[in-house]
């Protein structure tokens, strides 16, 4: 399962902070960012059929990041 999120990240250091915070709770999630995209993309991949959106939103807020699922 892969989910793509739009974020408000403008600082590459924040990507490291967010990735570490996500990996603490979800160590099997694969995280990648594309800050060159206008939507400041966060990609989350999981071997499980469901990605925990609400938990990810809470983690992001805890480090000052707003994000939403990017519609297909």
N, C-alpha and C. Protein backbone atom coordinates (compact mmCIF):
# COMPACT_ATOMS: atom_id res chain seq x y z
N UNK A 1 0.85 -1.17 0.00
CA UNK A 1 0.00 0.00 0.00
C UNK A 1 0.89 1.24 0.00
N UNK A 2 0.58 2.17 -0.87
CA UNK A 2 1.29 3.45 -0.92
C UNK A 2 0.27 4.57 -0.80
N UNK A 3 0.56 5.53 0.06
CA UNK A 3 -0.30 6.70 0.20
C UNK A 3 0.55 7.93 -0.03
N UNK A 4 -0.03 8.92 -0.69
CA UNK A 4 0.68 10.16 -0.99
C UNK A 4 -0.04 11.31 -0.31
N UNK A 5 0.75 12.14 0.38
CA UNK A 5 0.21 13.26 1.14
C UNK A 5 0.78 14.57 0.64
N UNK A 6 -0.04 15.60 0.68
CA UNK A 6 0.39 16.99 0.44
C UNK A 6 0.77 17.55 1.81
N UNK A 7 1.91 18.25 1.89
CA UNK A 7 2.35 18.81 3.17
C UNK A 7 2.68 20.30 3.02
N UNK A 8 2.98 20.92 4.14
CA UNK A 8 3.41 22.32 4.13
C UNK A 8 4.91 22.43 4.46
N UNK A 9 5.67 21.37 4.24
CA UNK A 9 7.09 21.36 4.59
C UNK A 9 7.88 22.21 3.59
N UNK A 10 8.66 23.14 4.12
CA UNK A 10 9.53 23.97 3.28
C UNK A 10 11.00 23.80 3.65
N UNK A 11 11.27 23.14 4.75
CA UNK A 11 12.62 23.02 5.27
C UNK A 11 13.04 21.55 5.25
N UNK A 12 14.12 21.20 4.56
CA UNK A 12 14.55 19.80 4.51
C UNK A 12 14.82 19.20 5.89
N UNK A 13 15.21 19.99 6.87
CA UNK A 13 15.44 19.48 8.22
C UNK A 13 14.14 18.91 8.81
N UNK A 14 13.02 19.53 8.46
CA UNK A 14 11.73 19.06 8.98
C UNK A 14 11.42 17.66 8.44
N UNK A 15 11.87 17.35 7.23
CA UNK A 15 11.63 16.01 6.70
C UNK A 15 12.30 14.96 7.58
N UNK A 16 13.49 15.25 8.04
CA UNK A 16 14.20 14.31 8.92
C UNK A 16 13.46 14.13 10.23
N UNK A 17 13.01 15.25 10.80
CA UNK A 17 12.28 15.20 12.07
C UNK A 17 11.00 14.39 11.92
N UNK A 18 10.26 14.64 10.85
CA UNK A 18 9.01 13.93 10.63
C UNK A 18 9.26 12.45 10.35
N UNK A 19 10.24 12.13 9.53
CA UNK A 19 10.55 10.73 9.22
C UNK A 19 10.92 9.97 10.49
N UNK A 20 11.74 10.57 11.34
CA UNK A 20 12.11 9.91 12.61
C UNK A 20 10.89 9.69 13.49
N UNK A 21 10.02 10.67 13.57
CA UNK A 21 8.81 10.55 14.39
C UNK A 21 7.90 9.45 13.85
N UNK A 22 7.75 9.37 12.55
CA UNK A 22 6.91 8.31 11.96
C UNK A 22 7.54 6.95 12.20
N UNK A 23 8.86 6.83 12.00
CA UNK A 23 9.53 5.54 12.18
C UNK A 23 9.49 5.05 13.62
N UNK A 24 9.42 5.96 14.58
CA UNK A 24 9.29 5.53 15.98
C UNK A 24 8.01 4.73 16.19
N UNK A 25 6.93 5.17 15.58
CA UNK A 25 5.65 4.50 15.76
C UNK A 25 5.40 3.41 14.70
N UNK A 26 5.93 3.62 13.51
CA UNK A 26 5.71 2.68 12.40
C UNK A 26 7.05 2.33 11.76
N UNK A 27 7.84 1.48 12.39
CA UNK A 27 9.19 1.20 11.89
C UNK A 27 9.23 0.52 10.52
N UNK A 28 8.14 -0.08 10.09
CA UNK A 28 8.15 -0.76 8.79
C UNK A 28 7.73 0.15 7.64
N UNK A 29 7.21 1.33 7.94
CA UNK A 29 6.82 2.26 6.87
C UNK A 29 8.06 2.77 6.15
N UNK A 30 7.98 2.84 4.84
CA UNK A 30 9.03 3.46 4.02
C UNK A 30 8.57 4.88 3.71
N UNK A 31 9.41 5.84 4.02
CA UNK A 31 9.06 7.26 3.90
C UNK A 31 9.95 7.92 2.85
N UNK A 32 9.34 8.73 1.99
CA UNK A 32 10.13 9.55 1.07
C UNK A 32 9.41 10.88 0.85
N UNK A 33 10.19 11.88 0.48
CA UNK A 33 9.67 13.24 0.29
C UNK A 33 10.06 13.74 -1.09
N UNK A 34 9.24 14.63 -1.62
CA UNK A 34 9.57 15.37 -2.84
C UNK A 34 9.21 16.83 -2.58
N UNK A 35 10.18 17.58 -2.07
CA UNK A 35 9.94 18.98 -1.75
C UNK A 35 9.99 19.87 -2.99
N UNK A 36 10.45 19.34 -4.10
CA UNK A 36 10.46 20.12 -5.33
C UNK A 36 9.08 20.17 -5.98
N UNK A 37 8.23 19.21 -5.66
CA UNK A 37 6.85 19.22 -6.14
C UNK A 37 6.10 20.36 -5.46
N UNK A 38 5.18 20.99 -6.16
CA UNK A 38 4.44 22.12 -5.56
C UNK A 38 3.63 21.72 -4.34
N UNK A 39 3.28 20.43 -4.23
CA UNK A 39 2.51 19.94 -3.08
C UNK A 39 3.38 19.45 -1.93
N UNK A 40 4.71 19.57 -2.06
CA UNK A 40 5.63 19.15 -0.99
C UNK A 40 5.27 17.74 -0.52
N UNK A 41 5.43 16.79 -1.40
CA UNK A 41 4.93 15.42 -1.26
C UNK A 41 5.64 14.61 -0.17
N UNK A 42 4.82 13.87 0.58
CA UNK A 42 5.28 12.82 1.48
C UNK A 42 4.68 11.53 0.96
N UNK A 43 5.52 10.53 0.70
CA UNK A 43 5.05 9.21 0.28
C UNK A 43 5.29 8.23 1.43
N UNK A 44 4.26 7.45 1.71
CA UNK A 44 4.37 6.44 2.75
C UNK A 44 4.00 5.10 2.13
N UNK A 45 4.90 4.15 2.24
CA UNK A 45 4.65 2.80 1.71
C UNK A 45 4.66 1.82 2.87
N UNK A 46 3.75 0.86 2.79
CA UNK A 46 3.63 -0.15 3.83
C UNK A 46 3.35 -1.50 3.20
N UNK A 47 3.83 -2.55 3.85
CA UNK A 47 3.51 -3.90 3.38
C UNK A 47 2.12 -4.32 3.84
N UNK A 48 1.56 -3.57 4.77
CA UNK A 48 0.21 -3.87 5.27
C UNK A 48 -0.82 -3.23 4.34
N UNK A 49 -2.05 -3.75 4.34
CA UNK A 49 -3.07 -3.23 3.42
C UNK A 49 -3.63 -1.86 3.81
N UNK A 50 -3.34 -1.40 5.03
CA UNK A 50 -3.88 -0.13 5.51
C UNK A 50 -2.76 0.73 6.07
N UNK A 51 -2.80 2.02 5.74
CA UNK A 51 -1.87 2.99 6.33
C UNK A 51 -2.67 3.80 7.34
N UNK A 52 -2.12 3.96 8.52
CA UNK A 52 -2.81 4.62 9.63
C UNK A 52 -2.81 6.14 9.45
N UNK A 53 -3.79 6.65 8.69
CA UNK A 53 -3.84 8.08 8.38
C UNK A 53 -3.90 8.96 9.62
N UNK A 54 -4.85 8.67 10.50
CA UNK A 54 -5.04 9.55 11.65
C UNK A 54 -3.79 9.61 12.52
N UNK A 55 -3.15 8.49 12.72
CA UNK A 55 -1.91 8.48 13.49
C UNK A 55 -0.84 9.31 12.79
N UNK A 56 -0.75 9.21 11.47
CA UNK A 56 0.23 10.01 10.73
C UNK A 56 -0.08 11.50 10.84
N UNK A 57 -1.37 11.87 10.76
CA UNK A 57 -1.75 13.28 10.91
C UNK A 57 -1.35 13.79 12.29
N UNK A 58 -1.57 12.97 13.31
CA UNK A 58 -1.21 13.37 14.68
C UNK A 58 0.30 13.53 14.84
N UNK A 59 1.05 12.60 14.29
CA UNK A 59 2.52 12.69 14.35
C UNK A 59 2.98 13.95 13.64
N UNK A 60 2.45 14.21 12.46
CA UNK A 60 2.84 15.39 11.70
C UNK A 60 2.55 16.67 12.49
N UNK A 61 1.35 16.76 13.05
CA UNK A 61 1.00 17.94 13.84
C UNK A 61 1.94 18.13 15.02
N UNK A 62 2.38 17.02 15.60
CA UNK A 62 3.25 17.11 16.78
C UNK A 62 4.61 17.73 16.44
N UNK A 63 5.00 17.70 15.17
CA UNK A 63 6.26 18.33 14.75
C UNK A 63 6.02 19.58 13.90
N UNK A 64 4.78 20.07 13.92
CA UNK A 64 4.46 21.32 13.24
C UNK A 64 4.18 21.22 11.76
N UNK A 65 3.82 20.03 11.31
CA UNK A 65 3.55 19.82 9.88
C UNK A 65 2.05 19.58 9.69
N UNK A 66 1.50 20.26 8.70
CA UNK A 66 0.12 19.99 8.28
C UNK A 66 0.19 19.15 7.02
N UNK A 67 -0.70 18.18 6.92
CA UNK A 67 -0.71 17.35 5.72
C UNK A 67 -2.10 16.81 5.47
N UNK A 68 -2.33 16.41 4.24
CA UNK A 68 -3.60 15.82 3.84
C UNK A 68 -3.34 14.81 2.73
N UNK A 69 -4.24 13.85 2.62
CA UNK A 69 -4.12 12.86 1.55
C UNK A 69 -4.28 13.58 0.22
N UNK A 70 -3.39 13.31 -0.69
CA UNK A 70 -3.47 13.91 -2.02
C UNK A 70 -4.45 13.10 -2.85
N UNK A 71 -5.51 13.74 -3.35
CA UNK A 71 -6.48 12.99 -4.16
C UNK A 71 -5.82 12.45 -5.43
N UNK A 72 -6.28 11.31 -5.88
CA UNK A 72 -5.70 10.70 -7.09
C UNK A 72 -6.10 11.41 -8.34
